Protein backbone atom coordinates (compact mmCIF):
# COMPACT_ATOMS: atom_id res chain seq x y z
CA MET A 1 -7.38 1.30 28.39
CA LYS A 2 -6.82 -2.10 26.83
CA ALA A 3 -8.31 -1.39 23.62
CA ILE A 4 -6.04 1.47 23.10
CA LYS A 5 -2.95 -0.26 24.01
CA ILE A 6 -3.98 -2.98 21.51
CA ALA A 7 -4.56 -0.64 18.79
CA TYR A 8 -1.33 1.26 19.37
CA TRP A 9 0.74 -2.05 19.26
CA ILE A 10 -1.16 -3.18 16.07
CA PHE A 11 -0.43 -0.21 14.17
CA THR A 12 3.17 0.12 15.72
CA ILE A 13 3.89 -3.48 14.73
CA LEU A 14 2.44 -2.94 11.30
CA LEU A 15 4.65 0.23 10.90
CA ILE A 16 7.86 -1.20 12.38
CA THR A 17 7.65 -4.30 10.05
CA LEU A 18 7.00 -2.07 6.80
CA MET A 19 10.11 0.30 7.92
CA LEU A 20 12.46 -2.64 8.66
CA PHE A 21 11.66 -4.60 5.68
CA SER A 22 12.07 -1.49 3.34
CA ALA A 23 15.29 -0.62 5.29
CA ILE A 24 16.89 -3.98 5.07
CA ALA A 25 16.10 -4.44 1.52
CA SER A 26 17.16 -1.01 0.68
CA LEU A 27 20.69 -1.53 2.40
CA LYS A 28 21.54 -4.59 0.32
CA GLN A 29 22.21 -3.08 -3.27
CA ASN A 30 19.70 -4.96 -5.41
CA PRO A 31 18.77 -4.35 -9.10
CA ASP A 32 15.21 -3.50 -8.15
CA GLY A 33 16.34 -0.59 -5.89
CA VAL A 34 18.98 0.75 -8.19
CA ALA A 35 16.52 0.75 -10.96
CA MET A 36 13.80 2.63 -8.88
CA MET A 37 16.41 5.28 -7.70
CA LYS A 38 17.41 5.93 -11.32
CA HIS A 39 13.72 6.18 -12.45
CA LEU A 40 13.37 8.75 -9.61
CA GLY A 41 16.58 10.63 -10.44
CA TYR A 42 18.24 10.09 -7.28
CA PRO A 43 21.77 8.62 -6.48
CA TYR A 44 21.56 5.27 -4.60
CA SER A 45 23.42 6.63 -1.69
CA VAL A 46 20.01 8.40 -0.83
CA LEU A 47 18.16 5.04 -0.39
CA THR A 48 21.18 4.04 2.08
CA LEU A 49 20.79 7.17 3.98
CA LEU A 50 17.03 6.65 4.35
CA SER A 51 17.34 3.09 5.34
CA ILE A 52 19.65 4.15 8.22
CA ALA A 53 17.38 6.69 9.25
CA LYS A 54 14.39 4.08 9.12
CA ILE A 55 16.32 1.76 11.39
CA LEU A 56 16.98 4.63 13.88
CA GLY A 57 13.31 5.81 13.74
CA VAL A 58 12.21 2.00 14.57
CA ILE A 59 14.58 2.11 17.58
CA ALA A 60 13.31 5.40 18.68
CA ILE A 61 9.53 4.43 18.72
CA LEU A 62 10.40 1.30 20.56
CA VAL A 63 12.63 2.27 23.29
CA PRO A 64 10.58 3.64 26.35
CA GLY A 65 10.82 7.16 27.09
CA PHE A 66 12.33 9.90 24.90
CA PRO A 67 9.03 11.31 23.73
CA ARG A 68 10.58 14.20 21.82
CA LEU A 69 12.61 11.54 19.79
CA LYS A 70 9.50 9.60 19.19
CA GLU A 71 7.84 12.65 17.63
CA TRP A 72 10.83 13.24 15.34
CA ALA A 73 10.86 9.42 14.16
CA TYR A 74 7.02 9.68 13.43
CA ALA A 75 7.76 12.84 11.61
CA GLY A 76 10.53 11.46 9.76
CA PHE A 77 8.61 8.41 8.61
CA SER A 78 5.81 10.64 7.45
CA PHE A 79 8.21 12.83 5.40
CA ASP A 80 9.69 9.78 3.98
CA LEU A 81 6.39 8.28 2.65
CA VAL A 82 5.05 11.70 1.61
CA GLY A 83 8.25 12.30 -0.28
CA ALA A 84 8.14 8.83 -1.77
CA ILE A 85 4.40 9.51 -2.95
CA TYR A 86 5.57 12.92 -4.57
CA ALA A 87 8.38 11.79 -6.16
CA SER A 88 6.53 8.79 -8.04
CA LEU A 89 3.51 10.87 -8.85
CA SER A 90 5.53 13.82 -10.16
CA LEU A 91 7.00 11.56 -12.66
CA GLY A 92 3.83 10.62 -13.89
CA ASP A 93 3.55 7.15 -12.40
CA PRO A 94 0.10 5.79 -11.72
CA VAL A 95 -1.72 6.33 -8.54
CA SER A 96 -1.94 2.71 -7.89
CA GLN A 97 1.69 2.35 -7.70
CA SER A 98 1.70 4.53 -4.60
CA LEU A 99 -1.05 2.63 -2.83
CA PRO A 100 1.21 0.72 -0.63
CA ILE A 101 2.81 3.77 0.31
CA PHE A 102 -0.39 5.37 1.35
CA LEU A 103 -0.96 2.32 3.48
CA GLY A 104 2.36 3.25 5.27
CA LEU A 105 0.81 6.55 6.20
CA VAL A 106 -2.05 4.89 7.46
CA PHE A 107 0.22 2.85 9.92
CA VAL A 108 2.23 5.98 10.89
CA PHE A 109 -0.86 8.06 11.69
CA GLY A 110 -2.51 5.20 13.50
CA SER A 111 0.56 4.58 15.74
CA TYR A 112 0.94 8.07 16.32
CA ILE A 113 -2.66 8.89 17.44
CA PHE A 114 -2.87 5.83 19.61
CA TYR A 115 0.47 6.56 21.19
CA HIS A 116 -0.91 9.88 22.17
CA LYS A 117 -4.07 8.53 23.30
CA LYS A 118 -2.13 5.87 25.46
CA ILE A 119 0.00 8.62 27.06
CA ARG A 120 -3.32 10.52 28.02
CA VAL A 121 -4.73 7.45 29.63
CA GLU A 122 -1.58 6.52 31.49
CA LYS A 123 -1.33 10.14 33.10
CA LYS A 124 -4.75 9.90 34.67
């Protein structure tokens, strides 16, 4: 049980850190973010929307209870990261540019898997 909780918190802290840094950096309209969105062909307002959604997702994962809301948060993080990978690769960007995003998916899946293992152990 202890190993499952430790693994869950390691993955979850890494995921939350990634999402919060991403959200906070994107809320401040910086030249790198504007250039990235222009390169992808999206208006900057999409980045603001995603930032707010990331902050809400972090809150949903950290607040105890609300299992359905947690599922939506994990799904939202997965959609965000898969969408970012797809958008980048569809423009012909090198795969190496998307490697940090793949790492984010590892954090999402690790946190999600150990969240469910933790729930199963707690129910016994």
